[in-house]
Amino acid sequence: MRIGITGHMNLTPATVELVRTTLKTELAQYDPTDLVGVSCLAEGADSIFAQAILDAGGQLEALLPAPDYRDTRVSKAHLPTFDALVSQAHKIRYIAEASSMQVYAQANTTMIETIDILYAVWDGKPSTKTGGTADAVATARIADIPVSLIWPKGSSRF
């Protein structure tokens, strides 16, 4: 089972825990020997999902926008988590030579082309930028990829 992730970066601490718990429950239904999570490892939902995949015994595939992503787009606060996840990924793929908003949208499309289901940690609101969560959900739905919405009661963004 190949599961992709899209979701918000700016989750409140309480929401992080709600999402983590929900993902743990969702992933428990799969055989870990057949479980692959595909994530861009962004702060928030992507990284929470990536760690949940590893905790469930699955394999992590890092689908990164470009080789410069870490140095140009990953916040200093997120670097330790990002680096730890990259070091545990069984496969790392890059979409382009350099990071950009268009490349983020392409990363979503590439991910959706390779997964069986998309988990979306999403409050249901439209994307404010190209390649956002709502765009990824729309792309998956157009491609007839099932979308599992994850927004536990009490969740919020800052």
C-alpha atoms as a PDB file:
ATOM      1  CA  MET A   1       0.000   0.000   0.000  1.00  0.00           C
ATOM      2  CA  ARG A   2       1.494   3.325  -1.109  1.00  0.00           C
ATOM      3  CA  ILE A   3       0.087   6.267   0.810  1.00  0.00           C
ATOM      4  CA  GLY A   4       0.859   9.899   0.044  1.00  0.00           C
ATOM      5  CA  ILE A   5       0.387  12.907   2.302  1.00  0.00           C
ATOM      6  CA  THR A   6      -0.673  16.479   1.865  1.00  0.00           C
ATOM      7  CA  GLY A   7      -1.508  18.846   4.660  1.00  0.00           C
ATOM      8  CA  HIS A   8      -1.051  22.040   6.520  1.00  0.00           C
ATOM      9  CA  MET A   9       2.284  23.153   7.898  1.00  0.00           C
ATOM     10  CA  ASN A  10       0.953  25.520  10.537  1.00  0.00           C
ATOM     11  CA  LEU A  11      -0.798  23.151  12.933  1.00  0.00           C
ATOM     12  CA  THR A  12      -1.235  24.106  16.586  1.00  0.00           C
ATOM     13  CA  PRO A  13       0.592  21.883  19.112  1.00  0.00           C
ATOM     14  CA  ALA A  14      -2.711  20.332  20.209  1.00  0.00           C
ATOM     15  CA  THR A  15      -3.588  19.579  16.576  1.00  0.00           C
ATOM     16  CA  VAL A  16      -0.195  17.945  16.023  1.00  0.00           C
ATOM     17  CA  GLU A  17      -1.065  15.441  18.758  1.00  0.00           C
ATOM     18  CA  LEU A  18      -4.589  14.873  17.403  1.00  0.00           C
ATOM     19  CA  VAL A  19      -3.229  14.250  13.911  1.00  0.00           C
ATOM     20  CA  ARG A  20      -0.441  11.984  15.191  1.00  0.00           C
ATOM     21  CA  THR A  21      -2.967   9.851  17.080  1.00  0.00           C
ATOM     22  CA  THR A  22      -5.316   9.664  14.100  1.00  0.00           C
ATOM     23  CA  LEU A  23      -2.518   8.676  11.722  1.00  0.00           C
ATOM     24  CA  LYS A  24      -1.330   5.965  14.106  1.00  0.00           C
ATOM     25  CA  THR A  25      -4.851   4.489  14.117  1.00  0.00           C
ATOM     26  CA  GLU A  26      -5.223   4.781  10.330  1.00  0.00           C
ATOM     27  CA  LEU A  27      -1.857   3.175   9.568  1.00  0.00           C
ATOM     28  CA  ALA A  28      -2.431   0.280  11.988  1.00  0.00           C
ATOM     29  CA  GLN A  29      -4.846  -1.265   9.478  1.00  0.00           C
ATOM     30  CA  TYR A  30      -2.019  -1.986   7.014  1.00  0.00           C
ATOM     31  CA  ASP A  31       0.602  -4.712   6.976  1.00  0.00           C
ATOM     32  CA  PRO A  32       3.868  -2.872   7.731  1.00  0.00           C
ATOM     33  CA  THR A  33       5.790  -5.072   5.301  1.00  0.00           C
ATOM     34  CA  ASP A  34       3.617  -3.683   2.484  1.00  0.00           C
ATOM     35  CA  LEU A  35       3.410  -0.079   3.687  1.00  0.00           C
ATOM     36  CA  VAL A  36       5.177   2.782   1.902  1.00  0.00           C
ATOM     37  CA  GLY A  37       4.603   6.417   2.798  1.00  0.00           C
ATOM     38  CA  VAL A  38       5.434   9.114   0.257  1.00  0.00           C
ATOM     39  CA  SER A  39       6.142  12.548   1.707  1.00  0.00           C
ATOM     40  CA  CYS A  40       7.843  15.821   0.779  1.00  0.00           C
ATOM     41  CA  LEU A  41       8.855  16.068   4.472  1.00  0.00           C
ATOM     42  CA  ALA A  42       7.596  19.621   4.886  1.00  0.00           C
ATOM     43  CA  GLU A  43       7.015  20.916   8.376  1.00  0.00           C
ATOM     44  CA  GLY A  44       3.659  19.955   9.864  1.00  0.00           C
ATOM     45  CA  ALA A  45       1.472  17.245   8.351  1.00  0.00           C
ATOM     46  CA  ASP A  46       4.101  15.840   5.967  1.00  0.00           C
ATOM     47  CA  SER A  47       6.644  15.222   8.711  1.00  0.00           C
ATOM     48  CA  ILE A  48       4.090  13.949  11.222  1.00  0.00           C
ATOM     49  CA  PHE A  49       2.941  11.442   8.606  1.00  0.00           C
ATOM     50  CA  ALA A  50       6.512  10.438   7.699  1.00  0.00           C
ATOM     51  CA  GLN A  51       7.325   9.671  11.328  1.00  0.00           C
ATOM     52  CA  ALA A  52       4.039   7.773  11.725  1.00  0.00           C
ATOM     53  CA  ILE A  53       4.944   5.608   8.708  1.00  0.00           C
ATOM     54  CA  LEU A  54       8.319   4.790  10.252  1.00  0.00           C
ATOM     55  CA  ASP A  55       6.743   4.133  13.662  1.00  0.00           C
ATOM     56  CA  ALA A  56       4.253   1.752  12.010  1.00  0.00           C
ATOM     57  CA  GLY A  57       7.155  -0.228  10.525  1.00  0.00           C
ATOM     58  CA  GLY A  58       6.635   0.981   6.965  1.00  0.00           C
ATOM     59  CA  GLN A  59       9.124   2.415   4.504  1.00  0.00           C
ATOM     60  CA  LEU A  60       9.464   6.130   3.856  1.00  0.00           C
ATOM     61  CA  GLU A  61       9.957   7.559   0.388  1.00  0.00           C
ATOM     62  CA  ALA A  62      11.094  11.183   0.432  1.00  0.00           C
ATOM     63  CA  LEU A  63       9.856  13.062  -2.615  1.00  0.00           C
ATOM     64  CA  LEU A  64      11.745  16.343  -2.405  1.00  0.00           C
ATOM     65  CA  PRO A  65      11.255  19.334  -4.698  1.00  0.00           C
ATOM     66  CA  ALA A  66      14.960  19.779  -5.491  1.00  0.00           C
ATOM     67  CA  PRO A  67      18.443  19.226  -4.081  1.00  0.00           C
ATOM     68  CA  ASP A  68      18.474  22.829  -2.756  1.00  0.00           C
ATOM     69  CA  TYR A  69      15.202  22.358  -0.820  1.00  0.00           C
ATOM     70  CA  ARG A  70      16.872  21.758   2.547  1.00  0.00           C
ATOM     71  CA  ASP A  71      19.118  24.797   2.331  1.00  0.00           C
ATOM     72  CA  THR A  72      16.660  27.225   0.748  1.00  0.00           C
ATOM     73  CA  ARG A  73      13.196  26.291   2.034  1.00  0.00           C
ATOM     74  CA  VAL A  74      13.408  24.256   5.260  1.00  0.00           C
ATOM     75  CA  SER A  75      13.165  26.445   8.354  1.00  0.00           C
ATOM     76  CA  LYS A  76      16.000  26.343  10.868  1.00  0.00           C
ATOM     77  CA  ALA A  77      13.603  25.026  13.516  1.00  0.00           C
ATOM     78  CA  HIS A  78      12.524  22.134  11.258  1.00  0.00           C
ATOM     79  CA  LEU A  79      16.039  21.106  10.142  1.00  0.00           C
ATOM     80  CA  PRO A  80      16.634  18.460  12.860  1.00  0.00           C
ATOM     81  CA  THR A  81      13.334  16.730  12.071  1.00  0.00           C
ATOM     82  CA  PHE A  82      13.875  17.028   8.315  1.00  0.00           C
ATOM     83  CA  ASP A  83      17.416  15.632   8.518  1.00  0.00           C
ATOM     84  CA  ALA A  84      16.331  12.744  10.760  1.00  0.00           C
ATOM     85  CA  LEU A  85      13.550  11.774   8.360  1.00  0.00           C
ATOM     86  CA  VAL A  86      15.772  12.018   5.274  1.00  0.00           C
ATOM     87  CA  SER A  87      18.328   9.777   6.982  1.00  0.00           C
ATOM     88  CA  GLN A  88      15.618   7.134   7.559  1.00  0.00           C
ATOM     89  CA  ALA A  89      14.084   7.292   4.076  1.00  0.00           C
ATOM     90  CA  HIS A  90      14.556   4.134   2.042  1.00  0.00           C
ATOM     91  CA  LYS A  91      14.344   6.176  -1.161  1.00  0.00           C
ATOM     92  CA  ILE A  92      14.895   9.861  -1.989  1.00  0.00           C
ATOM     93  CA  ARG A  93      13.649  11.381  -5.247  1.00  0.00           C
ATOM     94  CA  TYR A  94      13.937  14.942  -6.564  1.00  0.00           C
ATOM     95  CA  ILE A  95      11.463  16.660  -8.882  1.00  0.00           C
ATOM     96  CA  ALA A  96      13.629  19.452 -10.319  1.00  0.00           C
ATOM     97  CA  GLU A  97      17.045  21.086 -10.187  1.00  0.00           C
ATOM     98  CA  ALA A  98      15.884  24.066  -8.077  1.00  0.00           C
ATOM     99  CA  SER A  99      13.000  24.713  -5.661  1.00  0.00           C
ATOM    100  CA  SER A 100      10.063  26.943  -6.607  1.00  0.00           C
ATOM    101  CA  MET A 101       6.310  27.147  -6.018  1.00  0.00           C
ATOM    102  CA  GLN A 102       5.749  25.465  -9.387  1.00  0.00           C
ATOM    103  CA  VAL A 103       7.998  22.595  -8.349  1.00  0.00           C
ATOM    104  CA  TYR A 104       5.920  22.100  -5.177  1.00  0.00           C
ATOM    105  CA  ALA A 105       2.822  21.685  -7.341  1.00  0.00           C
ATOM    106  CA  GLN A 106       4.731  19.251  -9.563  1.00  0.00           C
ATOM    107  CA  ALA A 107       5.806  17.282  -6.481  1.00  0.00           C
ATOM    108  CA  ASN A 108       2.131  16.818  -5.595  1.00  0.00           C
ATOM    109  CA  THR A 109       1.337  15.613  -9.106  1.00  0.00           C
ATOM    110  CA  THR A 110       4.299  13.230  -9.135  1.00  0.00           C
ATOM    111  CA  MET A 111       3.323  11.837  -5.739  1.00  0.00           C
ATOM    112  CA  ILE A 112      -0.288  11.316  -6.802  1.00  0.00           C
ATOM    113  CA  GLU A 113       0.851   9.391  -9.879  1.00  0.00           C
ATOM    114  CA  THR A 114       2.561   6.814  -7.642  1.00  0.00           C
ATOM    115  CA  ILE A 115       0.174   6.245  -4.705  1.00  0.00           C
ATOM    116  CA  ASP A 116      -2.890   4.163  -3.893  1.00  0.00           C
ATOM    117  CA  ILE A 117      -4.461   6.656  -1.478  1.00  0.00           C
ATOM    118  CA  LEU A 118      -3.838  10.248  -0.379  1.00  0.00           C
ATOM    119  CA  TYR A 119      -4.122  11.292   3.252  1.00  0.00           C
ATOM    120  CA  ALA A 120      -5.036  14.969   3.534  1.00  0.00           C
ATOM    121  CA  VAL A 121      -4.582  16.800   6.837  1.00  0.00           C
ATOM    122  CA  TRP A 122      -6.862  19.557   5.681  1.00  0.00           C
ATOM    123  CA  ASP A 123      -9.320  22.011   7.182  1.00  0.00           C
ATOM    124  CA  GLY A 124     -11.298  22.090   3.929  1.00  0.00           C
ATOM    125  CA  LYS A 125     -10.373  25.646   2.951  1.00  0.00           C
ATOM    126  CA  PRO A 126      -9.004  26.646  -0.474  1.00  0.00           C
ATOM    127  CA  SER A 127      -5.248  26.868  -1.024  1.00  0.00           C
ATOM    128  CA  THR A 128      -3.745  30.326  -0.747  1.00  0.00           C
ATOM    129  CA  LYS A 129      -0.768  29.425  -2.951  1.00  0.00           C
ATOM    130  CA  THR A 130       0.021  27.108  -5.855  1.00  0.00           C
ATOM    131  CA  GLY A 131       0.703  23.584  -4.733  1.00  0.00           C
ATOM    132  CA  GLY A 132      -1.221  23.899  -1.460  1.00  0.00           C
ATOM    133  CA  THR A 133      -3.239  21.217   0.285  1.00  0.00           C
ATOM    134  CA  ALA A 134      -6.525  21.955  -1.509  1.00  0.00           C
ATOM    135  CA  ASP A 135      -4.733  21.785  -4.861  1.00  0.00           C
ATOM    136  CA  ALA A 136      -3.267  18.369  -4.007  1.00  0.00           C
ATOM    137  CA  VAL A 137      -6.688  17.076  -2.951  1.00  0.00           C
ATOM    138  CA  ALA A 138      -8.232  18.357  -6.200  1.00  0.00           C
ATOM    139  CA  THR A 139      -5.466  16.757  -8.273  1.00  0.00           C
ATOM    140  CA  ALA A 140      -5.966  13.413  -6.514  1.00  0.00           C
ATOM    141  CA  ARG A 141      -9.714  13.513  -7.026  1.00  0.00           C
ATOM    142  CA  ILE A 142      -9.301  14.297 -10.736  1.00  0.00           C
ATOM    143  CA  ALA A 143      -6.937  11.305 -10.983  1.00  0.00           C
ATOM    144  CA  ASP A 144      -9.471   9.072  -9.165  1.00  0.00           C
ATOM    145  CA  ILE A 145      -7.087   8.526  -6.258  1.00  0.00           C
ATOM    146  CA  PRO A 146      -9.040   8.011  -3.021  1.00  0.00           C
ATOM    147  CA  VAL A 147      -8.592  10.819  -0.501  1.00  0.00           C
ATOM    148  CA  SER A 148      -8.831  10.219   3.230  1.00  0.00           C
ATOM    149  CA  LEU A 149      -9.497  13.524   4.989  1.00  0.00           C
ATOM    150  CA  ILE A 150      -7.888  13.894   8.387  1.00  0.00           C
ATOM    151  CA  TRP A 151      -9.041  16.841  10.454  1.00  0.00           C
ATOM    152  CA  PRO A 152      -9.850  15.566  13.952  1.00  0.00           C
ATOM    153  CA  LYS A 153     -12.450  17.395  16.019  1.00  0.00           C
ATOM    154  CA  GLY A 154     -10.767  20.275  17.828  1.00  0.00           C
ATOM    155  CA  SER A 155      -8.055  20.739  15.176  1.00  0.00           C
ATOM    156  CA  SER A 156      -6.875  24.227  14.261  1.00  0.00           C
ATOM    157  CA  ARG A 157      -4.114  26.139  12.543  1.00  0.00           C
ATOM    158  CA  PHE A 158      -2.198  29.202  13.614  1.00  0.00           C
END
